């Protein structure tokens, strides 16, 4: 994952580690997230992760499940979810699927235990 952050864009000087910004210059710093040192390797999904991926693959409401994951666990990637979190995601996805396009109008179904 690459994030771009604007470090400075005003007149004057800003200093940081090996960083000097002169008059009217703009510097952009790219921050690369090295997820547990595995970013150069392809990670293989566990059977539980593969089950969730198969479950949400063709769901019209897939984005609702991904937004739940981002909100609750800080990631939209199933591969980053483990253990009890996987159980919660699976139950959430099953609840969303059972409700279809959510005819009751609730935006966020409660997860059944």
C-alpha atoms as a PDB file:
ATOM      1  CA  UNK A   1       0.000   0.000   0.000  1.00  0.00           C
ATOM      2  CA  UNK A   2       1.370   3.391  -0.912  1.00  0.00           C
ATOM      3  CA  UNK A   3       0.146   6.570   0.721  1.00  0.00           C
ATOM      4  CA  UNK A   4       0.984  10.039  -0.446  1.00  0.00           C
ATOM      5  CA  UNK A   5       1.170  12.847   2.078  1.00  0.00           C
ATOM      6  CA  UNK A   6       1.814  16.481   1.427  1.00  0.00           C
ATOM      7  CA  UNK A   7       4.671  17.468   3.695  1.00  0.00           C
ATOM      8  CA  UNK A   8       5.049  21.159   2.939  1.00  0.00           C
ATOM      9  CA  UNK A   9       3.915  23.618   0.338  1.00  0.00           C
ATOM     10  CA  UNK A  10       4.364  27.061   1.832  1.00  0.00           C
ATOM     11  CA  UNK A  11       7.136  29.579   1.518  1.00  0.00           C
ATOM     12  CA  UNK A  12      10.033  29.221   3.840  1.00  0.00           C
ATOM     13  CA  UNK A  13      12.035  26.316   5.117  1.00  0.00           C
ATOM     14  CA  UNK A  14      10.996  23.071   6.729  1.00  0.00           C
ATOM     15  CA  UNK A  15      13.524  20.618   7.953  1.00  0.00           C
ATOM     16  CA  UNK A  16      13.303  16.988   8.827  1.00  0.00           C
ATOM     17  CA  UNK A  17      15.544  14.006   8.449  1.00  0.00           C
ATOM     18  CA  UNK A  18      17.550  14.662   5.308  1.00  0.00           C
ATOM     19  CA  UNK A  19      14.767  16.924   4.044  1.00  0.00           C
ATOM     20  CA  UNK A  20      15.098  20.588   3.225  1.00  0.00           C
ATOM     21  CA  UNK A  21      12.392  22.545   1.493  1.00  0.00           C
ATOM     22  CA  UNK A  22      13.228  25.848  -0.115  1.00  0.00           C
ATOM     23  CA  UNK A  23      11.079  28.778  -1.201  1.00  0.00           C
ATOM     24  CA  UNK A  24       7.979  27.893  -3.226  1.00  0.00           C
ATOM     25  CA  UNK A  25       8.784  24.186  -3.419  1.00  0.00           C
ATOM     26  CA  UNK A  26       6.452  21.350  -2.749  1.00  0.00           C
ATOM     27  CA  UNK A  27       7.584  17.954  -1.495  1.00  0.00           C
ATOM     28  CA  UNK A  28       5.550  14.768  -1.606  1.00  0.00           C
ATOM     29  CA  UNK A  29       6.657  11.790   0.454  1.00  0.00           C
ATOM     30  CA  UNK A  30       5.524   8.277  -0.440  1.00  0.00           C
ATOM     31  CA  UNK A  31       5.123   5.969   2.529  1.00  0.00           C
ATOM     32  CA  UNK A  32       5.172   2.270   1.728  1.00  0.00           C
ATOM     33  CA  UNK A  33       3.525  -0.114   4.172  1.00  0.00           C
ATOM     34  CA  UNK A  34       5.571  -3.295   4.437  1.00  0.00           C
ATOM     35  CA  UNK A  35       2.804  -5.480   5.867  1.00  0.00           C
ATOM     36  CA  UNK A  36       4.707  -7.726   8.248  1.00  0.00           C
ATOM     37  CA  UNK A  37       7.581  -8.068   5.776  1.00  0.00           C
ATOM     38  CA  UNK A  38       5.383 -10.039   3.383  1.00  0.00           C
ATOM     39  CA  UNK A  39       4.769  -7.328   0.823  1.00  0.00           C
ATOM     40  CA  UNK A  40       7.237  -8.857  -1.643  1.00  0.00           C
ATOM     41  CA  UNK A  41       5.732 -12.314  -1.210  1.00  0.00           C
ATOM     42  CA  UNK A  42       2.283 -13.426  -2.226  1.00  0.00           C
ATOM     43  CA  UNK A  43       0.371 -14.540   0.835  1.00  0.00           C
ATOM     44  CA  UNK A  44      -1.865 -17.567   0.547  1.00  0.00           C
ATOM     45  CA  UNK A  45      -5.344 -17.386   2.078  1.00  0.00           C
ATOM     46  CA  UNK A  46      -6.189 -19.769   4.880  1.00  0.00           C
ATOM     47  CA  UNK A  47      -9.185 -22.071   4.336  1.00  0.00           C
ATOM     48  CA  UNK A  48     -11.304 -19.747   6.514  1.00  0.00           C
ATOM     49  CA  UNK A  49     -10.264 -16.682   4.502  1.00  0.00           C
ATOM     50  CA  UNK A  50     -10.952 -18.534   1.233  1.00  0.00           C
ATOM     51  CA  UNK A  51     -14.434 -19.406   2.529  1.00  0.00           C
ATOM     52  CA  UNK A  52     -15.215 -15.737   3.161  1.00  0.00           C
ATOM     53  CA  UNK A  53     -13.809 -14.712  -0.227  1.00  0.00           C
ATOM     54  CA  UNK A  54     -16.040 -17.307  -1.931  1.00  0.00           C
ATOM     55  CA  UNK A  55     -19.031 -16.125   0.106  1.00  0.00           C
ATOM     56  CA  UNK A  56     -18.709 -12.454  -0.838  1.00  0.00           C
ATOM     57  CA  UNK A  57     -17.340 -12.918  -4.360  1.00  0.00           C
ATOM     58  CA  UNK A  58     -20.653 -12.544  -6.206  1.00  0.00           C
ATOM     59  CA  UNK A  59     -22.627 -10.675  -3.564  1.00  0.00           C
ATOM     60  CA  UNK A  60     -24.152  -7.434  -4.835  1.00  0.00           C
ATOM     61  CA  UNK A  61     -23.669  -6.088  -1.294  1.00  0.00           C
ATOM     62  CA  UNK A  62     -19.952  -7.005  -1.203  1.00  0.00           C
ATOM     63  CA  UNK A  63     -18.985  -3.363  -0.634  1.00  0.00           C
ATOM     64  CA  UNK A  64     -21.139  -3.300   2.498  1.00  0.00           C
ATOM     65  CA  UNK A  65     -19.095  -6.216   3.884  1.00  0.00           C
ATOM     66  CA  UNK A  66     -15.802  -4.547   2.913  1.00  0.00           C
ATOM     67  CA  UNK A  67     -16.866  -1.299   4.596  1.00  0.00           C
ATOM     68  CA  UNK A  68     -17.700  -3.297   7.750  1.00  0.00           C
ATOM     69  CA  UNK A  69     -14.188  -4.789   7.684  1.00  0.00           C
ATOM     70  CA  UNK A  70     -12.581  -1.372   7.224  1.00  0.00           C
ATOM     71  CA  UNK A  71     -14.624   0.141  10.036  1.00  0.00           C
ATOM     72  CA  UNK A  72     -14.156  -2.711  12.504  1.00  0.00           C
ATOM     73  CA  UNK A  73     -10.647  -3.977  11.695  1.00  0.00           C
ATOM     74  CA  UNK A  74      -8.984  -1.179   9.731  1.00  0.00           C
ATOM     75  CA  UNK A  75      -8.622  -3.194   6.516  1.00  0.00           C
ATOM     76  CA  UNK A  76     -10.652  -4.081   3.447  1.00  0.00           C
ATOM     77  CA  UNK A  77      -8.512  -7.137   2.732  1.00  0.00           C
ATOM     78  CA  UNK A  78      -9.721 -10.548   3.894  1.00  0.00           C
ATOM     79  CA  UNK A  79      -6.115 -11.782   3.922  1.00  0.00           C
ATOM     80  CA  UNK A  80      -5.378  -9.347   6.785  1.00  0.00           C
ATOM     81  CA  UNK A  81      -8.170 -10.742   8.991  1.00  0.00           C
ATOM     82  CA  UNK A  82      -7.536 -13.640  11.371  1.00  0.00           C
ATOM     83  CA  UNK A  83      -9.133 -15.714  14.115  1.00  0.00           C
ATOM     84  CA  UNK A  84     -12.232 -14.368  15.796  1.00  0.00           C
ATOM     85  CA  UNK A  85     -12.354 -11.457  13.364  1.00  0.00           C
ATOM     86  CA  UNK A  86     -12.871 -13.951  10.516  1.00  0.00           C
ATOM     87  CA  UNK A  87     -15.848 -15.382  12.353  1.00  0.00           C
ATOM     88  CA  UNK A  88     -17.375 -11.910  12.723  1.00  0.00           C
ATOM     89  CA  UNK A  89     -16.824 -11.102   9.039  1.00  0.00           C
ATOM     90  CA  UNK A  90     -18.344 -14.427   7.943  1.00  0.00           C
ATOM     91  CA  UNK A  91     -21.415 -13.940  10.152  1.00  0.00           C
ATOM     92  CA  UNK A  92     -21.801 -10.346   8.954  1.00  0.00           C
ATOM     93  CA  UNK A  93     -21.580 -11.447   5.303  1.00  0.00           C
ATOM     94  CA  UNK A  94     -24.113 -14.243   5.910  1.00  0.00           C
ATOM     95  CA  UNK A  95     -26.510 -11.779   7.554  1.00  0.00           C
ATOM     96  CA  UNK A  96     -26.146  -9.311   4.683  1.00  0.00           C
ATOM     97  CA  UNK A  97     -26.692 -12.100   2.145  1.00  0.00           C
ATOM     98  CA  UNK A  98     -29.788 -13.391   3.962  1.00  0.00           C
ATOM     99  CA  UNK A  99     -31.321  -9.938   4.017  1.00  0.00           C
ATOM    100  CA  UNK A 100     -30.626  -9.490   0.315  1.00  0.00           C
ATOM    101  CA  UNK A 101     -30.687  -5.861  -0.667  1.00  0.00           C
ATOM    102  CA  UNK A 102     -31.839  -4.960   2.844  1.00  0.00           C
ATOM    103  CA  UNK A 103     -35.573  -4.371   2.286  1.00  0.00           C
ATOM    104  CA  UNK A 104     -36.070  -3.108   5.877  1.00  0.00           C
ATOM    105  CA  UNK A 105     -33.975  -0.040   5.129  1.00  0.00           C
ATOM    106  CA  UNK A 106     -31.384  -0.681   7.847  1.00  0.00           C
ATOM    107  CA  UNK A 107     -27.946   0.300   6.618  1.00  0.00           C
ATOM    108  CA  UNK A 108     -25.967  -1.821   9.017  1.00  0.00           C
ATOM    109  CA  UNK A 109     -27.340  -5.217  10.039  1.00  0.00           C
ATOM    110  CA  UNK A 110     -26.409  -6.548  13.441  1.00  0.00           C
ATOM    111  CA  UNK A 111     -24.191  -9.588  13.399  1.00  0.00           C
ATOM    112  CA  UNK A 112     -25.971 -12.693  14.680  1.00  0.00           C
ATOM    113  CA  UNK A 113     -23.988 -14.709  17.207  1.00  0.00           C
END
